[in-house]
C-alpha atoms as a PDB file:
ATOM      1  CA  UNK A   1     -38.570  57.142 -24.419  1.00  0.00           C
ATOM      2  CA  UNK A   2     -36.540  57.282 -27.626  1.00  0.00           C
ATOM      3  CA  UNK A   3     -36.760  60.411 -29.786  1.00  0.00           C
ATOM      4  CA  UNK A   4     -37.223  60.433 -33.551  1.00  0.00           C
ATOM      5  CA  UNK A   5     -33.613  61.505 -33.959  1.00  0.00           C
ATOM      6  CA  UNK A   6     -32.290  58.751 -31.703  1.00  0.00           C
ATOM      7  CA  UNK A   7     -34.271  56.091 -33.544  1.00  0.00           C
ATOM      8  CA  UNK A   8     -33.219  57.374 -36.974  1.00  0.00           C
ATOM      9  CA  UNK A   9     -29.579  57.363 -35.884  1.00  0.00           C
ATOM     10  CA  UNK A  10     -29.988  53.796 -34.573  1.00  0.00           C
ATOM     11  CA  UNK A  11     -31.564  52.657 -37.845  1.00  0.00           C
ATOM     12  CA  UNK A  12     -28.837  54.335 -39.873  1.00  0.00           C
ATOM     13  CA  UNK A  13     -26.187  52.630 -37.752  1.00  0.00           C
ATOM     14  CA  UNK A  14     -27.837  49.219 -38.207  1.00  0.00           C
ATOM     15  CA  UNK A  15     -28.434  49.592 -41.954  1.00  0.00           C
ATOM     16  CA  UNK A  16     -24.917  48.733 -43.231  1.00  0.00           C
ATOM     17  CA  UNK A  17     -25.193  45.238 -41.727  1.00  0.00           C
ATOM     18  CA  UNK A  18     -28.630  44.618 -43.284  1.00  0.00           C
ATOM     19  CA  UNK A  19     -29.466  43.378 -46.756  1.00  0.00           C
ATOM     20  CA  UNK A  20     -32.463  43.073 -49.034  1.00  0.00           C
ATOM     21  CA  UNK A  21     -35.748  42.707 -47.117  1.00  0.00           C
ATOM     22  CA  UNK A  22     -34.199  43.591 -43.752  1.00  0.00           C
ATOM     23  CA  UNK A  23     -32.722  46.761 -45.216  1.00  0.00           C
ATOM     24  CA  UNK A  24     -36.024  47.594 -46.889  1.00  0.00           C
ATOM     25  CA  UNK A  25     -37.826  47.183 -43.550  1.00  0.00           C
ATOM     26  CA  UNK A  26     -35.358  49.533 -41.839  1.00  0.00           C
ATOM     27  CA  UNK A  27     -35.671  52.016 -44.695  1.00  0.00           C
ATOM     28  CA  UNK A  28     -39.476  52.022 -44.418  1.00  0.00           C
ATOM     29  CA  UNK A  29     -39.339  52.688 -40.696  1.00  0.00           C
ATOM     30  CA  UNK A  30     -36.720  55.383 -41.209  1.00  0.00           C
ATOM     31  CA  UNK A  31     -38.821  57.032 -43.920  1.00  0.00           C
ATOM     32  CA  UNK A  32     -41.851  57.131 -41.626  1.00  0.00           C
ATOM     33  CA  UNK A  33     -39.741  58.658 -38.855  1.00  0.00           C
ATOM     34  CA  UNK A  34     -38.211  61.170 -41.269  1.00  0.00           C
ATOM     35  CA  UNK A  35     -41.680  62.291 -42.378  1.00  0.00           C
ATOM     36  CA  UNK A  36     -42.880  62.494 -38.768  1.00  0.00           C
ATOM     37  CA  UNK A  37     -39.855  64.557 -37.795  1.00  0.00           C
ATOM     38  CA  UNK A  38     -40.308  66.844 -40.796  1.00  0.00           C
ATOM     39  CA  UNK A  39     -43.959  67.444 -39.887  1.00  0.00           C
ATOM     40  CA  UNK A  40     -43.041  68.209 -36.279  1.00  0.00           C
ATOM     41  CA  UNK A  41     -40.361  70.606 -37.510  1.00  0.00           C
ATOM     42  CA  UNK A  42     -42.819  72.236 -39.957  1.00  0.00           C
ATOM     43  CA  UNK A  43     -45.097  73.066 -37.044  1.00  0.00           C
ATOM     44  CA  UNK A  44     -42.143  74.609 -35.199  1.00  0.00           C
ATOM     45  CA  UNK A  45     -41.201  76.681 -38.242  1.00  0.00           C
ATOM     46  CA  UNK A  46     -44.815  77.767 -38.748  1.00  0.00           C
ATOM     47  CA  UNK A  47     -44.955  79.001 -35.158  1.00  0.00           C
ATOM     48  CA  UNK A  48     -41.636  80.816 -35.569  1.00  0.00           C
ATOM     49  CA  UNK A  49     -42.843  82.654 -38.690  1.00  0.00           C
ATOM     50  CA  UNK A  50     -46.372  83.465 -37.512  1.00  0.00           C
ATOM     51  CA  UNK A  51     -47.333  86.890 -38.805  1.00  0.00           C
ATOM     52  CA  UNK A  52     -44.520  87.132 -41.343  1.00  0.00           C
ATOM     53  CA  UNK A  53     -45.895  88.182 -44.735  1.00  0.00           C
ATOM     54  CA  UNK A  54     -45.903  85.544 -47.478  1.00  0.00           C
ATOM     55  CA  UNK A  55     -43.503  87.617 -49.558  1.00  0.00           C
ATOM     56  CA  UNK A  56     -40.991  87.545 -46.694  1.00  0.00           C
ATOM     57  CA  UNK A  57     -41.451  83.771 -46.359  1.00  0.00           C
ATOM     58  CA  UNK A  58     -40.615  83.414 -50.055  1.00  0.00           C
ATOM     59  CA  UNK A  59     -37.488  85.516 -49.559  1.00  0.00           C
ATOM     60  CA  UNK A  60     -36.483  83.388 -46.553  1.00  0.00           C
ATOM     61  CA  UNK A  61     -37.020  80.167 -48.528  1.00  0.00           C
ATOM     62  CA  UNK A  62     -34.924  81.514 -51.397  1.00  0.00           C
ATOM     63  CA  UNK A  63     -32.191  82.560 -48.961  1.00  0.00           C
ATOM     64  CA  UNK A  64     -32.259  79.035 -47.506  1.00  0.00           C
ATOM     65  CA  UNK A  65     -31.549  77.645 -50.977  1.00  0.00           C
ATOM     66  CA  UNK A  66     -35.059  76.358 -51.613  1.00  0.00           C
ATOM     67  CA  UNK A  67     -36.428  77.334 -55.026  1.00  0.00           C
ATOM     68  CA  UNK A  68     -39.854  78.922 -54.829  1.00  0.00           C
ATOM     69  CA  UNK A  69     -42.067  81.289 -56.773  1.00  0.00           C
ATOM     70  CA  UNK A  70     -44.806  83.824 -56.185  1.00  0.00           C
ATOM     71  CA  UNK A  71     -47.557  81.286 -56.898  1.00  0.00           C
ATOM     72  CA  UNK A  72     -46.749  79.211 -53.825  1.00  0.00           C
ATOM     73  CA  UNK A  73     -48.954  79.647 -50.816  1.00  0.00           C
ATOM     74  CA  UNK A  74     -47.906  80.150 -47.218  1.00  0.00           C
ATOM     75  CA  UNK A  75     -48.128  76.457 -46.289  1.00  0.00           C
ATOM     76  CA  UNK A  76     -45.875  75.453 -49.184  1.00  0.00           C
ATOM     77  CA  UNK A  77     -43.322  78.099 -48.251  1.00  0.00           C
ATOM     78  CA  UNK A  78     -43.338  77.011 -44.622  1.00  0.00           C
ATOM     79  CA  UNK A  79     -42.764  73.425 -45.729  1.00  0.00           C
ATOM     80  CA  UNK A  80     -39.820  74.525 -47.886  1.00  0.00           C
ATOM     81  CA  UNK A  81     -38.305  76.393 -44.941  1.00  0.00           C
ATOM     82  CA  UNK A  82     -38.851  73.420 -42.646  1.00  0.00           C
ATOM     83  CA  UNK A  83     -37.334  71.050 -45.191  1.00  0.00           C
ATOM     84  CA  UNK A  84     -34.246  73.236 -45.600  1.00  0.00           C
ATOM     85  CA  UNK A  85     -33.689  73.084 -41.836  1.00  0.00           C
ATOM     86  CA  UNK A  86     -34.729  69.450 -41.306  1.00  0.00           C
ATOM     87  CA  UNK A  87     -32.409  68.114 -43.995  1.00  0.00           C
ATOM     88  CA  UNK A  88     -29.452  69.531 -42.061  1.00  0.00           C
ATOM     89  CA  UNK A  89     -30.369  68.004 -38.685  1.00  0.00           C
ATOM     90  CA  UNK A  90     -28.613  64.840 -37.507  1.00  0.00           C
ATOM     91  CA  UNK A  91     -31.841  62.911 -38.172  1.00  0.00           C
ATOM     92  CA  UNK A  92     -32.224  64.323 -41.667  1.00  0.00           C
ATOM     93  CA  UNK A  93     -28.591  63.707 -42.536  1.00  0.00           C
ATOM     94  CA  UNK A  94     -28.704  60.159 -41.153  1.00  0.00           C
ATOM     95  CA  UNK A  95     -31.805  59.298 -43.182  1.00  0.00           C
ATOM     96  CA  UNK A  96     -30.376  60.775 -46.378  1.00  0.00           C
ATOM     97  CA  UNK A  97     -27.143  58.828 -45.990  1.00  0.00           C
ATOM     98  CA  UNK A  98     -29.070  55.646 -45.168  1.00  0.00           C
ATOM     99  CA  UNK A  99     -31.343  56.023 -48.214  1.00  0.00           C
ATOM    100  CA  UNK A 100     -28.423  56.804 -50.530  1.00  0.00           C
ATOM    101  CA  UNK A 101     -26.445  53.804 -49.262  1.00  0.00           C
ATOM    102  CA  UNK A 102     -29.465  51.535 -49.662  1.00  0.00           C
ATOM    103  CA  UNK A 103     -30.007  52.808 -53.212  1.00  0.00           C
ATOM    104  CA  UNK A 104     -26.365  52.075 -54.091  1.00  0.00           C
ATOM    105  CA  UNK A 105     -27.062  48.522 -52.917  1.00  0.00           C
ATOM    106  CA  UNK A 106     -30.223  48.269 -55.012  1.00  0.00           C
ATOM    107  CA  UNK A 107     -32.769  48.806 -52.219  1.00  0.00           C
ATOM    108  CA  UNK A 108     -35.254  51.612 -52.658  1.00  0.00           C
ATOM    109  CA  UNK A 109     -38.727  52.462 -51.377  1.00  0.00           C
ATOM    110  CA  UNK A 110     -39.892  53.400 -54.878  1.00  0.00           C
ATOM    111  CA  UNK A 111     -40.252  50.229 -56.947  1.00  0.00           C
ATOM    112  CA  UNK A 112     -38.666  50.188 -60.378  1.00  0.00           C
ATOM    113  CA  UNK A 113     -41.010  49.706 -63.287  1.00  0.00           C
END
């Protein structure tokens, strides 16, 4: 069974040889996997910080380089912490590079208006 990370790395490796619709298809799959991986990681982070006061979560998010403010609730802060970690994983880095390369080639998941 292939993990999310393995599949994202495979998609990122295949992306340079793809163009237009094929690249868009790979990017869609990679985006779905990225979101799935982020959600899985958010649950891990939430379990790690169970019982930590919201104020301490905000301080941890700030220390991780994620801007936050006192109005954000616990779930938002946990997502920020998860995102800070997830973006630095091999899967997160591979997706970011893949999306940036696709954008340089004019392929993006968000249609231009």
